[in-house]
Amino acid sequence: MSIVELRQYTLHPGARATLIELFEREFVTGQEAVGITLGGRFRDLDDPDRFVWLRAFPDMTQRRRSLEAFYTGPVWRAHRDAANATMVDSDDVLLLRGPNFTPAPDTREVSVTVCHPSDAAAFDAYAARNLTASHALHRTEHAENDYPLLPVRTGEDVRVWFGPAAETPPWPHRPLRLEPVSDPSDPLAPPALSALSALSALQWEGGGGRG
């Protein structure tokens, strides 16, 4: 299992397309070059000013090293002002442990659930009945955030999974729907998306800097 960040950004009105274009052009390969594994990147269907994405690391030690390398490196230094200019808030981050998640290229819609279980035993029973390996179950990583320049949410114990949920979870959750965007290498991708790459579909149900 990997250390996974689920990052939810609130952007200035009309800035999402700018950030996505910059992110896909510069920040995907820039992060991969320092050992970061990028997961899915998504657009919120109900809020045109939100961008959601995942990235993964083998362990906490490598996370710190990779983040230090990227955020002190040439790619971020060259483009951070443009990226930060799109953002109102980039600190809504869950630090998780799980398999990471990137939808298959032909995926058009995925359900994602974020739960705050008050009864771990009940949750385990629910997961055993309804979740399979394809749901990519993630749990809160409680290790201390040792790269404090990028804050994460603390004091929470959540479960996050991807895929069709068999039933509505009995714990508090926040609905969020995210839009599919095709990888332009896919021959079915519409021409209007040719400037983007590796963006995938997501519908969310349930529920430090910058960068």
C-alpha atoms as a PDB file:
ATOM      1  CA  MET A   1       0.000   0.000   0.000  1.00  0.00           C
ATOM      2  CA  SER A   2       1.142   3.520  -0.791  1.00  0.00           C
ATOM      3  CA  ILE A   3       0.951   6.833   0.992  1.00  0.00           C
ATOM      4  CA  VAL A   4      -1.692   8.754  -0.968  1.00  0.00           C
ATOM      5  CA  GLU A   5      -2.677  12.413  -0.921  1.00  0.00           C
ATOM      6  CA  LEU A   6      -6.238  13.265  -1.943  1.00  0.00           C
ATOM      7  CA  ARG A   7      -5.996  16.969  -2.789  1.00  0.00           C
ATOM      8  CA  GLN A   8      -9.044  19.220  -3.318  1.00  0.00           C
ATOM      9  CA  TYR A   9      -8.362  22.759  -4.560  1.00  0.00           C
ATOM     10  CA  THR A  10     -10.699  25.752  -4.542  1.00  0.00           C
ATOM     11  CA  LEU A  11      -9.795  28.073  -7.403  1.00  0.00           C
ATOM     12  CA  HIS A  12     -10.513  31.630  -8.428  1.00  0.00           C
ATOM     13  CA  PRO A  13     -13.527  31.928 -10.734  1.00  0.00           C
ATOM     14  CA  GLY A  14     -12.671  30.907 -14.269  1.00  0.00           C
ATOM     15  CA  ALA A  15      -9.151  29.718 -13.395  1.00  0.00           C
ATOM     16  CA  ARG A  16      -9.613  25.954 -13.548  1.00  0.00           C
ATOM     17  CA  ALA A  17      -8.837  25.549 -17.250  1.00  0.00           C
ATOM     18  CA  THR A  18      -5.652  27.549 -16.750  1.00  0.00           C
ATOM     19  CA  LEU A  19      -4.508  25.364 -13.870  1.00  0.00           C
ATOM     20  CA  ILE A  20      -5.373  22.115 -15.654  1.00  0.00           C
ATOM     21  CA  GLU A  21      -3.446  23.113 -18.753  1.00  0.00           C
ATOM     22  CA  LEU A  22      -0.414  24.112 -16.661  1.00  0.00           C
ATOM     23  CA  PHE A  23      -0.682  21.045 -14.453  1.00  0.00           C
ATOM     24  CA  GLU A  24      -0.813  18.614 -17.355  1.00  0.00           C
ATOM     25  CA  ARG A  25       1.919  20.376 -19.314  1.00  0.00           C
ATOM     26  CA  GLU A  26       4.437  20.859 -16.503  1.00  0.00           C
ATOM     27  CA  PHE A  27       3.535  19.257 -13.184  1.00  0.00           C
ATOM     28  CA  VAL A  28       2.827  15.670 -14.221  1.00  0.00           C
ATOM     29  CA  THR A  29       6.266  14.909 -15.632  1.00  0.00           C
ATOM     30  CA  GLY A  30       7.887  17.252 -13.111  1.00  0.00           C
ATOM     31  CA  GLN A  31       6.531  15.242 -10.192  1.00  0.00           C
ATOM     32  CA  GLU A  32       7.100  11.863 -11.806  1.00  0.00           C
ATOM     33  CA  ALA A  33      10.756  12.814 -12.300  1.00  0.00           C
ATOM     34  CA  VAL A  34      11.262  12.978  -8.516  1.00  0.00           C
ATOM     35  CA  GLY A  35       9.490   9.698  -7.747  1.00  0.00           C
ATOM     36  CA  ILE A  36       5.882  10.827  -7.270  1.00  0.00           C
ATOM     37  CA  THR A  37       3.168   8.633  -8.780  1.00  0.00           C
ATOM     38  CA  LEU A  38       0.264  10.674 -10.111  1.00  0.00           C
ATOM     39  CA  GLY A  39      -3.250   9.297  -9.769  1.00  0.00           C
ATOM     40  CA  GLY A  40      -6.476  10.595 -11.277  1.00  0.00           C
ATOM     41  CA  ARG A  41      -7.117  14.278 -11.887  1.00  0.00           C
ATOM     42  CA  PHE A  42     -10.716  15.478 -11.875  1.00  0.00           C
ATOM     43  CA  ARG A  43     -13.074  18.429 -12.347  1.00  0.00           C
ATOM     44  CA  ASP A  44     -15.994  18.992  -9.968  1.00  0.00           C
ATOM     45  CA  LEU A  45     -19.263  18.850 -11.908  1.00  0.00           C
ATOM     46  CA  ASP A  46     -21.123  20.993  -9.406  1.00  0.00           C
ATOM     47  CA  ASP A  47     -18.464  23.625  -8.823  1.00  0.00           C
ATOM     48  CA  PRO A  48     -16.525  25.034 -11.786  1.00  0.00           C
ATOM     49  CA  ASP A  49     -13.895  26.373  -9.405  1.00  0.00           C
ATOM     50  CA  ARG A  50     -12.704  23.073  -7.911  1.00  0.00           C
ATOM     51  CA  PHE A  51      -9.918  20.723  -9.032  1.00  0.00           C
ATOM     52  CA  VAL A  52      -9.296  17.340  -7.358  1.00  0.00           C
ATOM     53  CA  TRP A  53      -6.330  15.031  -7.782  1.00  0.00           C
ATOM     54  CA  LEU A  54      -4.321  12.224  -6.183  1.00  0.00           C
ATOM     55  CA  ARG A  55      -0.643  11.417  -5.890  1.00  0.00           C
ATOM     56  CA  ALA A  56       1.177   8.553  -4.191  1.00  0.00           C
ATOM     57  CA  PHE A  57       4.514   7.695  -2.563  1.00  0.00           C
ATOM     58  CA  PRO A  58       6.020   4.382  -1.446  1.00  0.00           C
ATOM     59  CA  ASP A  59       6.315   5.544   2.177  1.00  0.00           C
ATOM     60  CA  MET A  60       6.493   8.666   4.339  1.00  0.00           C
ATOM     61  CA  THR A  61      10.270   8.967   4.020  1.00  0.00           C
ATOM     62  CA  GLN A  62      10.082   8.981   0.240  1.00  0.00           C
ATOM     63  CA  ARG A  63       7.165  11.390   0.378  1.00  0.00           C
ATOM     64  CA  ARG A  64       9.261  13.946   2.221  1.00  0.00           C
ATOM     65  CA  ARG A  65      12.206  13.492  -0.130  1.00  0.00           C
ATOM     66  CA  SER A  66      10.090  13.731  -3.251  1.00  0.00           C
ATOM     67  CA  LEU A  67       8.168  16.780  -2.065  1.00  0.00           C
ATOM     68  CA  GLU A  68      11.388  18.535  -1.087  1.00  0.00           C
ATOM     69  CA  ALA A  69      12.871  17.742  -4.498  1.00  0.00           C
ATOM     70  CA  PHE A  70       9.846  18.950  -6.415  1.00  0.00           C
ATOM     71  CA  TYR A  71       9.041  22.103  -4.454  1.00  0.00           C
ATOM     72  CA  THR A  72      12.662  23.271  -4.416  1.00  0.00           C
ATOM     73  CA  GLY A  73      13.269  22.161  -7.994  1.00  0.00           C
ATOM     74  CA  PRO A  74      13.239  24.027 -11.299  1.00  0.00           C
ATOM     75  CA  VAL A  75       9.753  23.042 -12.500  1.00  0.00           C
ATOM     76  CA  TRP A  76       7.898  24.364  -9.457  1.00  0.00           C
ATOM     77  CA  ARG A  77      10.125  27.440  -9.184  1.00  0.00           C
ATOM     78  CA  ALA A  78       9.412  28.307 -12.818  1.00  0.00           C
ATOM     79  CA  HIS A  79       5.649  27.882 -12.626  1.00  0.00           C
ATOM     80  CA  ARG A  80       4.589  28.275  -8.991  1.00  0.00           C
ATOM     81  CA  ASP A  81       3.482  31.892  -9.327  1.00  0.00           C
ATOM     82  CA  ALA A  82       1.196  31.053 -12.234  1.00  0.00           C
ATOM     83  CA  ALA A  83      -0.196  28.011 -10.394  1.00  0.00           C
ATOM     84  CA  ASN A  84      -0.717  29.807  -7.087  1.00  0.00           C
ATOM     85  CA  ALA A  85      -2.437  32.686  -8.872  1.00  0.00           C
ATOM     86  CA  THR A  86      -5.284  30.285  -9.759  1.00  0.00           C
ATOM     87  CA  MET A  87      -5.827  29.077  -6.179  1.00  0.00           C
ATOM     88  CA  VAL A  88      -7.980  30.320  -3.325  1.00  0.00           C
ATOM     89  CA  ASP A  89      -7.221  27.294  -1.143  1.00  0.00           C
ATOM     90  CA  SER A  90      -5.022  24.224  -1.676  1.00  0.00           C
ATOM     91  CA  ASP A  91      -4.904  22.945   1.916  1.00  0.00           C
ATOM     92  CA  ASP A  92      -7.914  20.583   1.778  1.00  0.00           C
ATOM     93  CA  VAL A  93      -5.777  17.446   1.736  1.00  0.00           C
ATOM     94  CA  LEU A  94      -6.379  13.977   3.156  1.00  0.00           C
ATOM     95  CA  LEU A  95      -3.291  11.867   3.857  1.00  0.00           C
ATOM     96  CA  LEU A  96      -4.271   8.255   3.220  1.00  0.00           C
ATOM     97  CA  ARG A  97      -2.827   4.782   2.932  1.00  0.00           C
ATOM     98  CA  GLY A  98      -4.067   2.684   0.036  1.00  0.00           C
ATOM     99  CA  PRO A  99      -3.447   1.565  -3.543  1.00  0.00           C
ATOM    100  CA  ASN A 100      -3.879   5.007  -5.197  1.00  0.00           C
ATOM    101  CA  PHE A 101      -6.466   5.291  -7.943  1.00  0.00           C
ATOM    102  CA  THR A 102      -6.322   6.039 -11.653  1.00  0.00           C
ATOM    103  CA  PRO A 103      -9.438   5.139 -13.668  1.00  0.00           C
ATOM    104  CA  ALA A 104      -9.090   3.044 -16.792  1.00  0.00           C
ATOM    105  CA  PRO A 105      -8.788   5.162 -19.958  1.00  0.00           C
ATOM    106  CA  ASP A 106     -12.349   4.396 -21.053  1.00  0.00           C
ATOM    107  CA  THR A 107     -13.902   5.163 -17.660  1.00  0.00           C
ATOM    108  CA  ARG A 108     -16.657   7.749 -17.822  1.00  0.00           C
ATOM    109  CA  GLU A 109     -18.050   7.721 -14.283  1.00  0.00           C
ATOM    110  CA  VAL A 110     -16.877   6.458 -10.912  1.00  0.00           C
ATOM    111  CA  SER A 111     -18.476   6.684  -7.490  1.00  0.00           C
ATOM    112  CA  VAL A 112     -16.208   7.754  -4.671  1.00  0.00           C
ATOM    113  CA  THR A 113     -17.207   7.673  -1.025  1.00  0.00           C
ATOM    114  CA  VAL A 114     -15.557   9.411   1.918  1.00  0.00           C
ATOM    115  CA  CYS A 115     -16.770   8.099   5.288  1.00  0.00           C
ATOM    116  CA  HIS A 116     -16.056   9.055   8.889  1.00  0.00           C
ATOM    117  CA  PRO A 117     -17.006   5.747  10.577  1.00  0.00           C
ATOM    118  CA  SER A 118     -17.953   6.009  14.228  1.00  0.00           C
ATOM    119  CA  ASP A 119     -18.016   2.216  14.516  1.00  0.00           C
ATOM    120  CA  ALA A 120     -14.974   0.519  12.983  1.00  0.00           C
ATOM    121  CA  ALA A 121     -16.483  -2.944  13.364  1.00  0.00           C
ATOM    122  CA  ALA A 122     -19.621  -1.894  11.498  1.00  0.00           C
ATOM    123  CA  PHE A 123     -17.522  -0.370   8.775  1.00  0.00           C
ATOM    124  CA  ASP A 124     -15.432  -3.520   8.434  1.00  0.00           C
ATOM    125  CA  ALA A 125     -18.632  -5.532   8.079  1.00  0.00           C
ATOM    126  CA  TYR A 126     -19.906  -3.130   5.429  1.00  0.00           C
ATOM    127  CA  ALA A 127     -16.617  -3.304   3.530  1.00  0.00           C
ATOM    128  CA  ALA A 128     -16.544  -7.093   3.681  1.00  0.00           C
ATOM    129  CA  ARG A 129     -20.054  -7.265   2.201  1.00  0.00           C
ATOM    130  CA  ASN A 130     -19.768  -4.620  -0.466  1.00  0.00           C
ATOM    131  CA  LEU A 131     -16.213  -3.679  -1.381  1.00  0.00           C
ATOM    132  CA  THR A 132     -13.789  -5.554  -3.593  1.00  0.00           C
ATOM    133  CA  ALA A 133     -10.234  -4.883  -4.700  1.00  0.00           C
ATOM    134  CA  SER A 134     -11.598  -2.783  -7.558  1.00  0.00           C
ATOM    135  CA  HIS A 135     -12.942  -0.250  -5.050  1.00  0.00           C
ATOM    136  CA  ALA A 136      -9.400   0.869  -4.108  1.00  0.00           C
ATOM    137  CA  LEU A 137     -10.117   1.291  -0.387  1.00  0.00           C
ATOM    138  CA  HIS A 138      -8.006   3.924   1.420  1.00  0.00           C
ATOM    139  CA  ARG A 139      -7.715   4.675   5.147  1.00  0.00           C
ATOM    140  CA  THR A 140      -6.333   7.669   7.003  1.00  0.00           C
ATOM    141  CA  GLU A 141      -2.563   7.626   7.418  1.00  0.00           C
ATOM    142  CA  HIS A 142      -1.954   8.823  10.966  1.00  0.00           C
ATOM    143  CA  ALA A 143       1.790   9.393  10.639  1.00  0.00           C
ATOM    144  CA  GLU A 144       2.884  12.942  11.345  1.00  0.00           C
ATOM    145  CA  ASN A 145       3.047  15.171   8.291  1.00  0.00           C
ATOM    146  CA  ASP A 146       6.814  15.697   8.089  1.00  0.00           C
ATOM    147  CA  TYR A 147       6.553  18.165   5.192  1.00  0.00           C
ATOM    148  CA  PRO A 148       4.595  20.918   6.984  1.00  0.00           C
ATOM    149  CA  LEU A 149       4.963  23.412   4.138  1.00  0.00           C
ATOM    150  CA  LEU A 150       2.059  21.459   2.628  1.00  0.00           C
ATOM    151  CA  PRO A 151      -0.620  21.078   5.332  1.00  0.00           C
ATOM    152  CA  VAL A 152      -2.942  18.087   5.589  1.00  0.00           C
ATOM    153  CA  ARG A 153      -6.185  17.681   7.498  1.00  0.00           C
ATOM    154  CA  THR A 154      -5.653  16.188  10.954  1.00  0.00           C
ATOM    155  CA  GLY A 155      -7.873  14.822  13.705  1.00  0.00           C
ATOM    156  CA  GLU A 156      -9.923  12.720  11.280  1.00  0.00           C
ATOM    157  CA  ASP A 157     -10.165   8.989  10.662  1.00  0.00           C
ATOM    158  CA  VAL A 158     -11.705   8.445   7.247  1.00  0.00           C
ATOM    159  CA  ARG A 159     -12.258   5.672   4.732  1.00  0.00           C
ATOM    160  CA  VAL A 160     -12.213   6.477   1.037  1.00  0.00           C
ATOM    161  CA  TRP A 161     -13.113   4.103  -1.765  1.00  0.00           C
ATOM    162  CA  PHE A 162     -13.664   4.309  -5.494  1.00  0.00           C
ATOM    163  CA  GLY A 163     -16.193   2.411  -7.594  1.00  0.00           C
ATOM    164  CA  PRO A 164     -19.922   1.654  -7.470  1.00  0.00           C
ATOM    165  CA  ALA A 165     -21.185   1.584  -3.886  1.00  0.00           C
ATOM    166  CA  ALA A 166     -23.729  -1.148  -3.152  1.00  0.00           C
ATOM    167  CA  GLU A 167     -25.521   0.878  -0.484  1.00  0.00           C
ATOM    168  CA  THR A 168     -25.531   4.298   1.102  1.00  0.00           C
ATOM    169  CA  PRO A 169     -23.034   4.329   3.982  1.00  0.00           C
ATOM    170  CA  PRO A 170     -24.535   5.027   7.405  1.00  0.00           C
ATOM    171  CA  TRP A 171     -21.870   7.620   8.291  1.00  0.00           C
ATOM    172  CA  PRO A 172     -21.752  11.349   7.554  1.00  0.00           C
ATOM    173  CA  HIS A 173     -20.556  12.042   4.048  1.00  0.00           C
ATOM    174  CA  ARG A 174     -20.404  14.931   1.618  1.00  0.00           C
ATOM    175  CA  PRO A 175     -21.740  14.580  -1.923  1.00  0.00           C
ATOM    176  CA  LEU A 176     -19.425  15.721  -4.697  1.00  0.00           C
ATOM    177  CA  ARG A 177     -19.685  14.916  -8.393  1.00  0.00           C
ATOM    178  CA  LEU A 178     -16.672  15.127 -10.639  1.00  0.00           C
ATOM    179  CA  GLU A 179     -16.612  15.195 -14.408  1.00  0.00           C
ATOM    180  CA  PRO A 180     -14.886  12.783 -16.789  1.00  0.00           C
ATOM    181  CA  VAL A 181     -12.246  14.242 -19.081  1.00  0.00           C
ATOM    182  CA  SER A 182     -10.754  11.901 -21.669  1.00  0.00           C
ATOM    183  CA  ASP A 183      -7.077  11.345 -22.249  1.00  0.00           C
ATOM    184  CA  PRO A 184      -6.402  12.976 -25.649  1.00  0.00           C
ATOM    185  CA  SER A 185      -4.395   9.914 -26.663  1.00  0.00           C
ATOM    186  CA  ASP A 186      -7.727   8.065 -26.617  1.00  0.00           C
ATOM    187  CA  PRO A 187      -9.068   8.102 -30.209  1.00  0.00           C
ATOM    188  CA  LEU A 188     -12.534   8.751 -28.789  1.00  0.00           C
ATOM    189  CA  ALA A 189     -11.450  11.952 -27.071  1.00  0.00           C
ATOM    190  CA  PRO A 190     -13.162  15.051 -28.476  1.00  0.00           C
ATOM    191  CA  PRO A 191     -10.868  17.554 -30.239  1.00  0.00           C
ATOM    192  CA  ALA A 192     -11.698  20.240 -27.672  1.00  0.00           C
ATOM    193  CA  LEU A 193      -9.748  18.243 -25.086  1.00  0.00           C
ATOM    194  CA  SER A 194      -6.600  17.911 -27.169  1.00  0.00           C
ATOM    195  CA  ALA A 195      -4.671  20.307 -24.905  1.00  0.00           C
ATOM    196  CA  LEU A 196      -5.229  18.066 -21.886  1.00  0.00           C
ATOM    197  CA  SER A 197      -3.876  14.661 -21.010  1.00  0.00           C
ATOM    198  CA  ALA A 198      -4.539  11.840 -18.583  1.00  0.00           C
ATOM    199  CA  LEU A 199      -7.640  13.365 -16.991  1.00  0.00           C
ATOM    200  CA  SER A 200     -10.240  10.813 -16.017  1.00  0.00           C
ATOM    201  CA  ALA A 201     -13.855  10.469 -15.006  1.00  0.00           C
ATOM    202  CA  LEU A 202     -15.141  10.658 -11.490  1.00  0.00           C
ATOM    203  CA  GLN A 203     -18.448  11.088  -9.747  1.00  0.00           C
ATOM    204  CA  TRP A 204     -18.058  11.625  -6.048  1.00  0.00           C
ATOM    205  CA  GLU A 205     -20.791  10.343  -3.770  1.00  0.00           C
ATOM    206  CA  GLY A 206     -20.283  10.552  -0.088  1.00  0.00           C
ATOM    207  CA  GLY A 207     -18.125  11.709   1.396  1.00  0.00           C
ATOM    208  CA  GLY A 208       0.544  24.589   2.961  1.00  0.00           C
ATOM    209  CA  GLY A 209       1.363  26.043   1.521  1.00  0.00           C
ATOM    210  CA  ARG A 210       0.119  25.731  -1.936  1.00  0.00           C
ATOM    211  CA  GLY A 211       0.830  23.123  -4.555  1.00  0.00           C
END
